[in-house]
PDB file of N, CA and C in Angstrom:
ATOM      1  N   MET A   1       0.915  -1.242   0.020  1.00  0.00           N
ATOM      2  CA  MET A   1      -0.075  -0.029   0.128  1.00  0.00           C
ATOM      3  C   MET A   1       1.005   1.240   0.024  1.00  0.00           C
ATOM      4  N   ILE A   2       1.771   1.361   0.930  1.00  0.00           N
ATOM      5  CA  ILE A   2       2.735   2.493   0.845  1.00  0.00           C
ATOM      6  C   ILE A   2       3.594   2.562  -0.433  1.00  0.00           C
ATOM      7  N   THR A   3       4.037   1.326  -0.776  1.00  0.00           N
ATOM      8  CA  THR A   3       4.824   1.277  -2.122  1.00  0.00           C
ATOM      9  C   THR A   3       3.957   1.751  -3.314  1.00  0.00           C
ATOM     10  N   ASP A   4       2.596   1.468  -3.321  1.00  0.00           N
ATOM     11  CA  ASP A   4       1.770   2.029  -4.443  1.00  0.00           C
ATOM     12  C   ASP A   4       1.799   3.523  -4.439  1.00  0.00           C
ATOM     13  N   GLY A   5       1.580   4.072  -3.294  1.00  0.00           N
ATOM     14  CA  GLY A   5       1.613   5.492  -3.191  1.00  0.00           C
ATOM     15  C   GLY A   5       2.906   6.168  -3.666  1.00  0.00           C
ATOM     16  N   PHE A   6       4.095   5.480  -3.332  1.00  0.00           N
ATOM     17  CA  PHE A   6       5.276   5.886  -3.509  1.00  0.00           C
ATOM     18  C   PHE A   6       5.565   5.922  -5.088  1.00  0.00           C
ATOM     19  N   GLU A   7       5.096   4.630  -5.703  1.00  0.00           N
ATOM     20  CA  GLU A   7       5.256   4.623  -7.150  1.00  0.00           C
ATOM     21  C   GLU A   7       4.330   5.619  -7.946  1.00  0.00           C
ATOM     22  N   GLN A   8       3.233   5.838  -7.354  1.00  0.00           N
ATOM     23  CA  GLN A   8       2.455   6.897  -7.934  1.00  0.00           C
ATOM     24  C   GLN A   8       3.037   8.335  -7.956  1.00  0.00           C
ATOM     25  N   TRP A   9       3.558   8.554  -6.899  1.00  0.00           N
ATOM     26  CA  TRP A   9       4.378   9.899  -6.458  1.00  0.00           C
ATOM     27  C   TRP A   9       5.496   9.964  -7.468  1.00  0.00           C
ATOM     28  N   LEU A  10       6.285   8.929  -7.637  1.00  0.00           N
ATOM     29  CA  LEU A  10       7.399   8.792  -8.507  1.00  0.00           C
ATOM     30  C   LEU A  10       6.900   9.054  -9.933  1.00  0.00           C
ATOM     31  N   LYS A  11       5.905   8.411 -10.476  1.00  0.00           N
ATOM     32  CA  LYS A  11       5.521   8.588 -11.730  1.00  0.00           C
ATOM     33  C   LYS A  11       5.077  10.079 -12.138  1.00  0.00           C
ATOM     34  N   LEU A  12       4.222  10.422 -11.029  1.00  0.00           N
ATOM     35  CA  LEU A  12       3.754  11.821 -11.082  1.00  0.00           C
ATOM     36  C   LEU A  12       4.957  12.914 -11.233  1.00  0.00           C
ATOM     37  N   ASN A  13       5.967  12.756 -10.455  1.00  0.00           N
ATOM     38  CA  ASN A  13       7.133  13.599 -10.469  1.00  0.00           C
ATOM     39  C   ASN A  13       7.969  13.401 -11.820  1.00  0.00           C
ATOM     40  N   LYS A  14       7.957  12.350 -12.336  1.00  0.00           N
ATOM     41  CA  LYS A  14       8.596  12.145 -13.697  1.00  0.00           C
ATOM     42  C   LYS A  14       7.831  12.853 -14.739  1.00  0.00           C
ATOM     43  N   ASN A  15       6.502  12.788 -14.668  1.00  0.00           N
ATOM     44  CA  ASN A  15       5.564  13.538 -15.558  1.00  0.00           C
ATOM     45  C   ASN A  15       5.689  15.153 -15.420  1.00  0.00           C
ATOM     46  N   LEU A  16       6.129  15.546 -14.286  1.00  0.00           N
ATOM     47  CA  LEU A  16       6.166  16.888 -14.057  1.00  0.00           C
ATOM     48  C   LEU A  16       7.461  17.699 -14.684  1.00  0.00           C
ATOM     49  N   ASN A  17       8.387  16.900 -15.125  1.00  0.00           N
ATOM     50  CA  ASN A  17       9.564  17.400 -15.830  1.00  0.00           C
ATOM     51  C   ASN A  17       9.401  18.212 -16.991  1.00  0.00           C
ATOM     52  N   THR A  18       8.270  17.727 -17.826  1.00  0.00           N
ATOM     53  CA  THR A  18       7.902  18.514 -19.042  1.00  0.00           C
ATOM     54  C   THR A  18       7.385  19.818 -18.728  1.00  0.00           C
ATOM     55  N   PRO A  19       6.352  19.758 -17.926  1.00  0.00           N
ATOM     56  CA  PRO A  19       5.726  21.208 -17.569  1.00  0.00           C
ATOM     57  C   PRO A  19       6.672  22.073 -17.026  1.00  0.00           C
ATOM     58  N   ILE A  20       7.601  21.716 -16.055  1.00  0.00           N
ATOM     59  CA  ILE A  20       8.635  22.479 -15.333  1.00  0.00           C
ATOM     60  C   ILE A  20       9.522  23.126 -16.607  1.00  0.00           C
ATOM     61  N   THR A  21       9.928  22.354 -17.534  1.00  0.00           N
ATOM     62  CA  THR A  21      10.792  22.774 -18.525  1.00  0.00           C
ATOM     63  C   THR A  21      10.076  23.796 -19.463  1.00  0.00           C
ATOM     64  N   GLU A  22       8.803  23.497 -19.748  1.00  0.00           N
ATOM     65  CA  GLU A  22       8.041  24.486 -20.439  1.00  0.00           C
ATOM     66  C   GLU A  22       7.821  25.881 -19.690  1.00  0.00           C
ATOM     67  N   TRP A  23       7.636  25.720 -18.456  1.00  0.00           N
ATOM     68  CA  TRP A  23       7.559  27.025 -17.673  1.00  0.00           C
ATOM     69  C   TRP A  23       8.803  27.767 -17.718  1.00  0.00           C
ATOM     70  N   GLY A  24       9.984  27.121 -17.564  1.00  0.00           N
ATOM     71  CA  GLY A  24      11.226  27.690 -17.738  1.00  0.00           C
ATOM     72  C   GLY A  24      11.527  28.299 -18.935  1.00  0.00           C
ATOM     73  N   LYS A  25      11.103  27.712 -20.031  1.00  0.00           N
ATOM     74  CA  LYS A  25      11.261  28.328 -21.448  1.00  0.00           C
ATOM     75  C   LYS A  25      10.497  29.550 -21.570  1.00  0.00           C
ATOM     76  N   ALA A  26       9.171  29.444 -21.213  1.00  0.00           N
ATOM     77  CA  ALA A  26       8.245  30.493 -21.261  1.00  0.00           C
ATOM     78  C   ALA A  26       8.726  31.755 -20.410  1.00  0.00           C
ATOM     79  N   SER A  27       9.069  31.366 -19.127  1.00  0.00           N
ATOM     80  CA  SER A  27       9.565  32.493 -18.251  1.00  0.00           C
ATOM     81  C   SER A  27      10.867  33.166 -18.675  1.00  0.00           C
ATOM     82  N   SER A  28      11.801  32.328 -19.265  1.00  0.00           N
ATOM     83  CA  SER A  28      13.009  32.920 -19.946  1.00  0.00           C
ATOM     84  C   SER A  28      12.696  33.801 -20.976  1.00  0.00           C
ATOM     85  N   GLU A  29      11.808  33.461 -21.821  1.00  0.00           N
ATOM     86  CA  GLU A  29      11.356  34.327 -22.970  1.00  0.00           C
ATOM     87  C   GLU A  29      10.818  35.665 -22.494  1.00  0.00           C
ATOM     88  N   LEU A  30       9.938  35.508 -21.317  1.00  0.00           N
ATOM     89  CA  LEU A  30       9.355  36.741 -20.725  1.00  0.00           C
ATOM     90  C   LEU A  30      10.385  37.656 -20.259  1.00  0.00           C
ATOM     91  N   TYR A  31      11.367  37.116 -19.615  1.00  0.00           N
ATOM     92  CA  TYR A  31      12.420  37.964 -19.017  1.00  0.00           C
ATOM     93  C   TYR A  31      13.342  38.529 -20.169  1.00  0.00           C
ATOM     94  N   ARG A  32      13.499  37.775 -21.199  1.00  0.00           N
ATOM     95  CA  ARG A  32      14.281  38.359 -22.271  1.00  0.00           C
ATOM     96  C   ARG A  32      13.544  39.624 -22.810  1.00  0.00           C
ATOM     97  N   HIS A  33      12.313  39.443 -23.176  1.00  0.00           N
ATOM     98  CA  HIS A  33      11.495  40.601 -23.580  1.00  0.00           C
ATOM     99  C   HIS A  33      11.545  41.803 -22.663  1.00  0.00           C
ATOM    100  N   LEU A  34      11.334  41.518 -21.354  1.00  0.00           N
ATOM    101  CA  LEU A  34      11.367  42.495 -20.401  1.00  0.00           C
ATOM    102  C   LEU A  34      12.824  43.301 -20.400  1.00  0.00           C
ATOM    103  N   SER A  35      13.846  42.658 -20.522  1.00  0.00           N
ATOM    104  CA  SER A  35      15.295  43.011 -20.471  1.00  0.00           C
ATOM    105  C   SER A  35      15.433  43.950 -21.717  1.00  0.00           C
ATOM    106  N   GLU A  36      14.873  43.503 -22.925  1.00  0.00           N
ATOM    107  CA  GLU A  36      14.981  44.190 -24.132  1.00  0.00           C
ATOM    108  C   GLU A  36      14.379  45.550 -23.958  1.00  0.00           C
ATOM    109  N   GLU A  37      13.163  45.488 -23.393  1.00  0.00           N
ATOM    110  CA  GLU A  37      12.187  46.629 -23.230  1.00  0.00           C
ATOM    111  C   GLU A  37      13.022  47.647 -22.243  1.00  0.00           C
ATOM    112  N   ASN A  38      13.574  47.199 -21.177  1.00  0.00           N
ATOM    113  CA  ASN A  38      14.220  48.015 -20.310  1.00  0.00           C
ATOM    114  C   ASN A  38      15.392  48.715 -20.797  1.00  0.00           C
ATOM    115  N   ILE A  39      16.154  48.085 -21.665  1.00  0.00           N
ATOM    116  CA  ILE A  39      17.188  48.647 -22.538  1.00  0.00           C
ATOM    117  C   ILE A  39      16.746  49.721 -23.338  1.00  0.00           C
ATOM    118  N   GLU A  40      15.426  49.581 -23.945  1.00  0.00           N
ATOM    119  CA  GLU A  40      15.004  50.558 -24.855  1.00  0.00           C
ATOM    120  C   GLU A  40      14.480  51.797 -24.000  1.00  0.00           C
ATOM    121  N   ILE A  41      13.951  51.416 -22.877  1.00  0.00           N
ATOM    122  CA  ILE A  41      13.460  52.642 -22.007  1.00  0.00           C
ATOM    123  C   ILE A  41      14.694  53.434 -21.589  1.00  0.00           C
ATOM    124  N   LEU A  42      15.744  52.620 -21.227  1.00  0.00           N
ATOM    125  CA  LEU A  42      16.919  53.491 -20.768  1.00  0.00           C
ATOM    126  C   LEU A  42      17.455  54.237 -21.910  1.00  0.00           C
ATOM    127  N   ASN A  43      17.522  53.762 -23.086  1.00  0.00           N
ATOM    128  CA  ASN A  43      17.956  54.608 -24.297  1.00  0.00           C
ATOM    129  C   ASN A  43      17.110  55.833 -24.434  1.00  0.00           C
ATOM    130  N   GLU A  44      15.739  55.604 -24.378  1.00  0.00           N
ATOM    131  CA  GLU A  44      14.832  56.687 -24.528  1.00  0.00           C
ATOM    132  C   GLU A  44      15.050  57.768 -23.481  1.00  0.00           C
ATOM    133  N   THR A  45      15.144  57.305 -22.256  1.00  0.00           N
ATOM    134  CA  THR A  45      15.403  58.176 -21.056  1.00  0.00           C
ATOM    135  C   THR A  45      16.735  59.090 -21.187  1.00  0.00           C
ATOM    136  N   LEU A  46      17.818  58.391 -21.619  1.00  0.00           N
ATOM    137  CA  LEU A  46      19.162  59.038 -21.789  1.00  0.00           C
ATOM    138  C   LEU A  46      18.976  60.106 -22.884  1.00  0.00           C
ATOM    139  N   SER A  47      18.194  59.904 -23.985  1.00  0.00           N
ATOM    140  CA  SER A  47      18.008  60.748 -25.078  1.00  0.00           C
ATOM    141  C   SER A  47      17.171  61.892 -24.646  1.00  0.00           C
ATOM    142  N   ARG A  48      16.108  61.732 -23.835  1.00  0.00           N
ATOM    143  CA  ARG A  48      15.387  62.756 -23.312  1.00  0.00           C
ATOM    144  C   ARG A  48      16.018  63.603 -22.394  1.00  0.00           C
ATOM    145  N   VAL A  49      16.814  63.123 -21.497  1.00  0.00           N
ATOM    146  CA  VAL A  49      17.682  63.806 -20.419  1.00  0.00           C
ATOM    147  C   VAL A  49      18.700  64.752 -21.265  1.00  0.00           C
ATOM    148  N   ALA A  50      19.288  64.159 -22.259  1.00  0.00           N
ATOM    149  CA  ALA A  50      20.317  64.904 -23.009  1.00  0.00           C
ATOM    150  C   ALA A  50      19.625  66.155 -23.693  1.00  0.00           C
ATOM    151  N   GLU A  51      18.460  65.918 -24.319  1.00  0.00           N
ATOM    152  CA  GLU A  51      17.724  66.989 -24.895  1.00  0.00           C
ATOM    153  C   GLU A  51      17.317  68.098 -23.890  1.00  0.00           C
ATOM    154  N   GLN A  52      16.919  67.501 -22.686  1.00  0.00           N
ATOM    155  CA  GLN A  52      16.509  68.496 -21.667  1.00  0.00           C
ATOM    156  C   GLN A  52      17.653  69.294 -21.166  1.00  0.00           C
ATOM    157  N   MET A  53      18.846  68.618 -21.171  1.00  0.00           N
ATOM    158  CA  MET A  53      20.098  69.405 -20.610  1.00  0.00           C
ATOM    159  C   MET A  53      20.453  70.409 -21.762  1.00  0.00           C
ATOM    160  N   LYS A  54      20.256  70.235 -22.991  1.00  0.00           N
ATOM    161  CA  LYS A  54      20.632  71.157 -24.105  1.00  0.00           C
ATOM    162  C   LYS A  54      19.600  72.368 -23.795  1.00  0.00           C
ATOM    163  N   ARG A  55      18.380  72.134 -23.572  1.00  0.00           N
ATOM    164  CA  ARG A  55      17.416  73.221 -23.428  1.00  0.00           C
ATOM    165  C   ARG A  55      17.668  73.986 -22.034  1.00  0.00           C
ATOM    166  N   LEU A  56      18.163  73.358 -21.174  1.00  0.00           N
ATOM    167  CA  LEU A  56      18.599  73.945 -19.897  1.00  0.00           C
ATOM    168  C   LEU A  56      19.707  74.951 -20.092  1.00  0.00           C
ATOM    169  N   SER A  57      20.722  74.697 -20.982  1.00  0.00           N
ATOM    170  CA  SER A  57      21.756  75.488 -21.294  1.00  0.00           C
ATOM    171  C   SER A  57      21.365  76.718 -22.028  1.00  0.00           C
ATOM    172  N   ASN A  58      20.157  76.837 -22.537  1.00  0.00           N
ATOM    173  CA  ASN A  58      19.654  78.015 -23.266  1.00  0.00           C
ATOM    174  C   ASN A  58      18.779  78.791 -22.288  1.00  0.00           C
ATOM    175  N   VAL A  59      18.593  78.465 -21.065  1.00  0.00           N
ATOM    176  CA  VAL A  59      17.756  79.263 -20.112  1.00  0.00           C
ATOM    177  C   VAL A  59      18.528  80.616 -19.797  1.00  0.00           C
ATOM    178  N   ARG A  60      17.737  81.811 -19.795  1.00  0.00           N
ATOM    179  CA  ARG A  60      18.264  82.940 -19.612  1.00  0.00           C
ATOM    180  C   ARG A  60      17.771  83.730 -18.432  1.00  0.00           C
ATOM    181  N   SER A  61      16.541  83.244 -17.925  1.00  0.00           N
ATOM    182  CA  SER A  61      15.881  83.943 -16.879  1.00  0.00           C
ATOM    183  C   SER A  61      15.214  83.053 -15.910  1.00  0.00           C
ATOM    184  N   PRO A  62      15.021  83.422 -14.669  1.00  0.00           N
ATOM    185  CA  PRO A  62      14.385  82.491 -13.734  1.00  0.00           C
ATOM    186  C   PRO A  62      13.033  81.975 -14.169  1.00  0.00           C
ATOM    187  N   GLU A  63      12.253  82.824 -14.864  1.00  0.00           N
ATOM    188  CA  GLU A  63      10.993  82.336 -15.383  1.00  0.00           C
ATOM    189  C   GLU A  63      11.076  81.146 -16.413  1.00  0.00           C
ATOM    190  N   ASP A  64      12.170  81.392 -17.309  1.00  0.00           N
ATOM    191  CA  ASP A  64      12.388  80.322 -18.177  1.00  0.00           C
ATOM    192  C   ASP A  64      12.804  79.050 -17.431  1.00  0.00           C
ATOM    193  N   LEU A  65      13.492  79.211 -16.362  1.00  0.00           N
ATOM    194  CA  LEU A  65      14.045  78.003 -15.765  1.00  0.00           C
ATOM    195  C   LEU A  65      12.731  77.361 -15.075  1.00  0.00           C
ATOM    196  N   LEU A  66      11.952  78.051 -14.418  1.00  0.00           N
ATOM    197  CA  LEU A  66      10.675  77.441 -13.872  1.00  0.00           C
ATOM    198  C   LEU A  66       9.841  76.733 -14.939  1.00  0.00           C
ATOM    199  N   ASN A  67       9.679  77.393 -16.087  1.00  0.00           N
ATOM    200  CA  ASN A  67       8.864  76.750 -17.134  1.00  0.00           C
ATOM    201  C   ASN A  67       9.501  75.499 -17.760  1.00  0.00           C
ATOM    202  N   LEU A  68      10.850  75.587 -17.889  1.00  0.00           N
ATOM    203  CA  LEU A  68      11.604  74.389 -18.294  1.00  0.00           C
ATOM    204  C   LEU A  68      11.469  73.296 -17.385  1.00  0.00           C
ATOM    205  N   GLN A  69      11.501  73.591 -16.120  1.00  0.00           N
ATOM    206  CA  GLN A  69      11.419  72.536 -15.109  1.00  0.00           C
ATOM    207  C   GLN A  69      10.032  71.845 -15.117  1.00  0.00           C
ATOM    208  N   LYS A  70       9.077  72.693 -15.329  1.00  0.00           N
ATOM    209  CA  LYS A  70       7.745  72.112 -15.438  1.00  0.00           C
ATOM    210  C   LYS A  70       7.571  71.272 -16.634  1.00  0.00           C
ATOM    211  N   GLU A  71       8.028  71.758 -17.789  1.00  0.00           N
ATOM    212  CA  GLU A  71       7.975  70.963 -19.012  1.00  0.00           C
ATOM    213  C   GLU A  71       8.659  69.573 -18.834  1.00  0.00           C
ATOM    214  N   CYS A  72      10.001  69.730 -18.191  1.00  0.00           N
ATOM    215  CA  CYS A  72      10.673  68.485 -17.988  1.00  0.00           C
ATOM    216  C   CYS A  72      10.020  67.504 -17.227  1.00  0.00           C
ATOM    217  N   ILE A  73       9.435  67.855 -16.116  1.00  0.00           N
ATOM    218  CA  ILE A  73       8.724  67.088 -15.207  1.00  0.00           C
ATOM    219  C   ILE A  73       7.517  66.484 -15.883  1.00  0.00           C
ATOM    220  N   SER A  74       6.770  67.236 -16.532  1.00  0.00           N
ATOM    221  CA  SER A  74       5.635  66.638 -17.425  1.00  0.00           C
ATOM    222  C   SER A  74       6.109  65.567 -18.272  1.00  0.00           C
ATOM    223  N   GLU A  75       7.163  65.871 -19.143  1.00  0.00           N
ATOM    224  CA  GLU A  75       7.622  64.972 -20.102  1.00  0.00           C
ATOM    225  C   GLU A  75       8.120  63.652 -19.302  1.00  0.00           C
ATOM    226  N   ASP A  76       8.784  63.765 -18.178  1.00  0.00           N
ATOM    227  CA  ASP A  76       9.240  62.688 -17.559  1.00  0.00           C
ATOM    228  C   ASP A  76       8.170  61.788 -16.912  1.00  0.00           C
ATOM    229  N   VAL A  77       7.141  62.529 -16.367  1.00  0.00           N
ATOM    230  CA  VAL A  77       5.930  61.718 -15.763  1.00  0.00           C
ATOM    231  C   VAL A  77       5.236  61.009 -16.899  1.00  0.00           C
ATOM    232  N   HIS A  78       4.942  61.673 -18.125  1.00  0.00           N
ATOM    233  CA  HIS A  78       4.253  61.035 -19.200  1.00  0.00           C
ATOM    234  C   HIS A  78       5.136  59.699 -19.722  1.00  0.00           C
ATOM    235  N   ALA A  79       6.449  60.004 -19.833  1.00  0.00           N
ATOM    236  CA  ALA A  79       7.254  58.878 -20.316  1.00  0.00           C
ATOM    237  C   ALA A  79       7.167  57.735 -19.285  1.00  0.00           C
ATOM    238  N   MET A  80       7.320  58.044 -18.109  1.00  0.00           N
ATOM    239  CA  MET A  80       7.291  56.918 -16.915  1.00  0.00           C
ATOM    240  C   MET A  80       5.949  56.232 -17.125  1.00  0.00           C
ATOM    241  N   ILE A  81       4.701  56.860 -17.139  1.00  0.00           N
ATOM    242  CA  ILE A  81       3.466  56.096 -17.156  1.00  0.00           C
ATOM    243  C   ILE A  81       3.440  55.289 -18.496  1.00  0.00           C
ATOM    244  N   LYS A  82       3.964  55.829 -19.539  1.00  0.00           N
ATOM    245  CA  LYS A  82       3.905  55.085 -20.850  1.00  0.00           C
ATOM    246  C   LYS A  82       4.835  53.852 -20.708  1.00  0.00           C
ATOM    247  N   HIS A  83       5.972  53.849 -20.004  1.00  0.00           N
ATOM    248  CA  HIS A  83       6.910  52.686 -19.896  1.00  0.00           C
ATOM    249  C   HIS A  83       6.107  51.676 -18.966  1.00  0.00           C
ATOM    250  N   TRP A  84       5.544  52.252 -17.856  1.00  0.00           N
ATOM    251  CA  TRP A  84       4.922  51.342 -16.915  1.00  0.00           C
ATOM    252  C   TRP A  84       3.869  50.531 -17.601  1.00  0.00           C
ATOM    253  N   GLN A  85       3.100  51.142 -18.252  1.00  0.00           N
ATOM    254  CA  GLN A  85       1.954  50.516 -19.094  1.00  0.00           C
ATOM    255  C   GLN A  85       2.562  49.512 -19.979  1.00  0.00           C
ATOM    256  N   LYS A  86       3.569  49.808 -20.743  1.00  0.00           N
ATOM    257  CA  LYS A  86       4.252  48.725 -21.591  1.00  0.00           C
ATOM    258  C   LYS A  86       4.711  47.607 -20.856  1.00  0.00           C
ATOM    259  N   ILE A  87       5.493  47.884 -19.787  1.00  0.00           N
ATOM    260  CA  ILE A  87       6.156  46.762 -19.017  1.00  0.00           C
ATOM    261  C   ILE A  87       4.958  45.875 -18.463  1.00  0.00           C
ATOM    262  N   SER A  88       3.957  46.558 -17.873  1.00  0.00           N
ATOM    263  CA  SER A  88       2.782  45.845 -17.297  1.00  0.00           C
ATOM    264  C   SER A  88       2.109  44.929 -18.345  1.00  0.00           C
ATOM    265  N   HIS A  89       1.835  45.441 -19.473  1.00  0.00           N
ATOM    266  CA  HIS A  89       1.287  44.668 -20.572  1.00  0.00           C
ATOM    267  C   HIS A  89       2.284  43.558 -21.024  1.00  0.00           C
ATOM    268  N   LEU A  90       3.498  43.759 -21.052  1.00  0.00           N
ATOM    269  CA  LEU A  90       4.410  42.629 -21.442  1.00  0.00           C
ATOM    270  C   LEU A  90       4.324  41.560 -20.355  1.00  0.00           C
ATOM    271  N   GLN A  91       4.365  41.967 -19.176  1.00  0.00           N
ATOM    272  CA  GLN A  91       4.245  40.991 -17.901  1.00  0.00           C
ATOM    273  C   GLN A  91       3.026  40.256 -18.002  1.00  0.00           C
ATOM    274  N   GLN A  92       1.903  40.838 -18.214  1.00  0.00           N
ATOM    275  CA  GLN A  92       0.696  40.293 -18.342  1.00  0.00           C
ATOM    276  C   GLN A  92       0.722  39.152 -19.400  1.00  0.00           C
ATOM    277  N   GLU A  93       1.142  39.543 -20.578  1.00  0.00           N
ATOM    278  CA  GLU A  93       1.157  38.630 -21.730  1.00  0.00           C
ATOM    279  C   GLU A  93       2.015  37.465 -21.423  1.00  0.00           C
ATOM    280  N   GLY A  94       3.234  37.835 -20.859  1.00  0.00           N
ATOM    281  CA  GLY A  94       4.209  36.702 -20.539  1.00  0.00           C
ATOM    282  C   GLY A  94       3.631  35.631 -19.569  1.00  0.00           C
ATOM    283  N   VAL A  95       2.975  36.208 -18.559  1.00  0.00           N
ATOM    284  CA  VAL A  95       2.486  35.294 -17.528  1.00  0.00           C
ATOM    285  C   VAL A  95       1.280  34.394 -18.157  1.00  0.00           C
ATOM    286  N   GLU A  96       0.507  35.045 -18.898  1.00  0.00           N
ATOM    287  CA  GLU A  96      -0.422  34.235 -19.636  1.00  0.00           C
ATOM    288  C   GLU A  96       0.057  33.112 -20.449  1.00  0.00           C
ATOM    289  N   GLU A  97       1.187  33.485 -21.265  1.00  0.00           N
ATOM    290  CA  GLU A  97       1.817  32.566 -22.068  1.00  0.00           C
ATOM    291  C   GLU A  97       2.433  31.419 -21.193  1.00  0.00           C
ATOM    292  N   CYS A  98       3.024  31.781 -20.119  1.00  0.00           N
ATOM    293  CA  CYS A  98       3.648  30.683 -19.246  1.00  0.00           C
ATOM    294  C   CYS A  98       2.442  29.817 -18.681  1.00  0.00           C
ATOM    295  N   ILE A  99       1.428  30.229 -18.359  1.00  0.00           N
ATOM    296  CA  ILE A  99       0.379  29.544 -17.857  1.00  0.00           C
ATOM    297  C   ILE A  99      -0.210  28.616 -18.957  1.00  0.00           C
ATOM    298  N   LYS A 100      -0.380  29.123 -20.108  1.00  0.00           N
ATOM    299  CA  LYS A 100      -0.932  28.398 -21.192  1.00  0.00           C
ATOM    300  C   LYS A 100      -0.035  27.324 -21.707  1.00  0.00           C
ATOM    301  N   SER A 101       1.248  27.576 -21.615  1.00  0.00           N
ATOM    302  CA  SER A 101       2.204  26.517 -22.059  1.00  0.00           C
ATOM    303  C   SER A 101       2.306  25.329 -21.061  1.00  0.00           C
ATOM    304  N   VAL A 102       2.106  25.657 -19.877  1.00  0.00           N
ATOM    305  CA  VAL A 102       2.244  24.722 -18.836  1.00  0.00           C
ATOM    306  C   VAL A 102       0.908  23.942 -18.584  1.00  0.00           C
ATOM    307  N   SER A 103      -0.103  24.650 -18.553  1.00  0.00           N
ATOM    308  CA  SER A 103      -1.435  23.995 -18.202  1.00  0.00           C
ATOM    309  C   SER A 103      -1.786  22.855 -19.129  1.00  0.00           C
ATOM    310  N   GLY A 104      -1.483  22.995 -20.386  1.00  0.00           N
ATOM    311  CA  GLY A 104      -1.893  21.820 -21.270  1.00  0.00           C
ATOM    312  C   GLY A 104      -0.990  20.576 -21.062  1.00  0.00           C
ATOM    313  N   THR A 105       0.242  20.990 -20.956  1.00  0.00           N
ATOM    314  CA  THR A 105       1.369  19.951 -20.714  1.00  0.00           C
ATOM    315  C   THR A 105       1.145  19.247 -19.392  1.00  0.00           C
ATOM    316  N   LEU A 106       0.817  20.029 -18.477  1.00  0.00           N
ATOM    317  CA  LEU A 106       0.777  19.408 -17.167  1.00  0.00           C
ATOM    318  C   LEU A 106      -0.669  18.549 -16.917  1.00  0.00           C
ATOM    319  N   HIS A 107      -1.618  19.024 -17.682  1.00  0.00           N
ATOM    320  CA  HIS A 107      -2.835  18.244 -17.641  1.00  0.00           C
ATOM    321  C   HIS A 107      -2.563  16.920 -18.246  1.00  0.00           C
ATOM    322  N   GLU A 108      -1.979  16.914 -19.585  1.00  0.00           N
ATOM    323  CA  GLU A 108      -1.718  15.699 -20.156  1.00  0.00           C
ATOM    324  C   GLU A 108      -0.809  14.659 -19.345  1.00  0.00           C
ATOM    325  N   SER A 109       0.216  15.294 -18.680  1.00  0.00           N
ATOM    326  CA  SER A 109       1.284  14.621 -17.983  1.00  0.00           C
ATOM    327  C   SER A 109       0.706  13.877 -16.663  1.00  0.00           C
ATOM    328  N   THR A 110      -0.152  14.512 -16.035  1.00  0.00           N
ATOM    329  CA  THR A 110      -0.654  14.000 -14.856  1.00  0.00           C
ATOM    330  C   THR A 110      -1.938  13.220 -15.104  1.00  0.00           C
ATOM    331  N   LYS A 111      -2.564  13.315 -16.149  1.00  0.00           N
ATOM    332  CA  LYS A 111      -3.889  12.699 -16.415  1.00  0.00           C
ATOM    333  C   LYS A 111      -3.933  11.216 -16.037  1.00  0.00           C
ATOM    334  N   GLY A 112      -2.986  10.439 -16.696  1.00  0.00           N
ATOM    335  CA  GLY A 112      -2.941   9.029 -16.420  1.00  0.00           C
ATOM    336  C   GLY A 112      -2.716   8.560 -15.021  1.00  0.00           C
ATOM    337  N   VAL A 113      -1.816   9.398 -14.461  1.00  0.00           N
ATOM    338  CA  VAL A 113      -1.492   8.994 -13.075  1.00  0.00           C
ATOM    339  C   VAL A 113      -2.677   9.230 -12.119  1.00  0.00           C
ATOM    340  N   VAL A 114      -3.285  10.267 -12.331  1.00  0.00           N
ATOM    341  CA  VAL A 114      -4.401  10.733 -11.484  1.00  0.00           C
ATOM    342  C   VAL A 114      -5.609   9.708 -11.748  1.00  0.00           C
ATOM    343  N   GLU A 115      -5.832   9.307 -12.903  1.00  0.00           N
ATOM    344  CA  GLU A 115      -6.896   8.323 -13.246  1.00  0.00           C
ATOM    345  C   GLU A 115      -6.560   6.990 -12.582  1.00  0.00           C
ATOM    346  N   ARG A 116      -5.281   6.517 -12.700  1.00  0.00           N
ATOM    347  CA  ARG A 116      -4.986   5.229 -12.059  1.00  0.00           C
ATOM    348  C   ARG A 116      -5.116   5.359 -10.451  1.00  0.00           C
ATOM    349  N   SER A 117      -4.727   6.378 -10.017  1.00  0.00           N
ATOM    350  CA  SER A 117      -4.771   6.619  -8.596  1.00  0.00           C
ATOM    351  C   SER A 117      -6.318   6.491  -8.072  1.00  0.00           C
ATOM    352  N   ARG A 118      -7.094   7.119  -8.884  1.00  0.00           N
ATOM    353  CA  ARG A 118      -8.558   7.069  -8.560  1.00  0.00           C
ATOM    354  C   ARG A 118      -9.148   5.639  -8.723  1.00  0.00           C
ATOM    355  N   GLU A 119      -8.819   4.807  -9.686  1.00  0.00           N
ATOM    356  CA  GLU A 119      -9.251   3.490  -9.980  1.00  0.00           C
ATOM    357  C   GLU A 119      -8.742   2.748  -8.692  1.00  0.00           C
ATOM    358  N   LYS A 120      -7.467   2.932  -8.311  1.00  0.00           N
ATOM    359  CA  LYS A 120      -7.084   2.142  -7.208  1.00  0.00           C
ATOM    360  C   LYS A 120      -7.670   2.386  -5.811  1.00  0.00           C
ATOM    361  N   ASP A 121      -8.127   3.689  -5.821  1.00  0.00           N
ATOM    362  CA  ASP A 121      -8.864   4.013  -4.549  1.00  0.00           C
ATOM    363  C   ASP A 121     -10.306   3.428  -4.605  1.00  0.00           C
ATOM    364  N   LYS A 122     -10.931   3.415  -5.759  1.00  0.00           N
ATOM    365  CA  LYS A 122     -12.111   2.827  -5.707  1.00  0.00           C
ATOM    366  C   LYS A 122     -11.986   1.232  -5.446  1.00  0.00           C
ATOM    367  N   GLU A 123     -10.957   0.694  -5.882  1.00  0.00           N
ATOM    368  CA  GLU A 123     -10.854  -0.826  -5.688  1.00  0.00           C
ATOM    369  C   GLU A 123     -10.616  -1.041  -4.106  1.00  0.00           C
ATOM    370  N   ARG A 124     -10.069  -0.164  -3.461  1.00  0.00           N
ATOM    371  CA  ARG A 124      -9.809  -0.323  -2.067  1.00  0.00           C
ATOM    372  C   ARG A 124     -11.155  -0.185  -1.235  1.00  0.00           C
ATOM    373  N   VAL A 125     -12.077   0.674  -1.726  1.00  0.00           N
ATOM    374  CA  VAL A 125     -13.232   0.787  -1.018  1.00  0.00           C
ATOM    375  C   VAL A 125     -14.326  -0.367  -1.319  1.00  0.00           C
TER     376      VAL A 125
END
């Protein structure tokens, strides 16, 4: 009786290798996309800051400085919101892809083991 449970557990664990591998592949792809996006965000940010610094060098009065600061803050906040939305969307898509790739494989891998376990449970009763 104990060995039956151990054998079922062993078979189930062997069948879990494929879903775990699929999860690893999907999550690696997600992190690759996120890394690429972060590098793109960094490039955009550096370009924006360089352009803002050029504009800062042309300031001639305190009023111009205050207006420029307001414009720069507004630009930065809008860019930050845009990037957060993009990253959030990528994360959501990636997690959905991970779940989709694993759920089908996991269901197929464990289906036989679970059915045999239920049959043995019925025989015992």
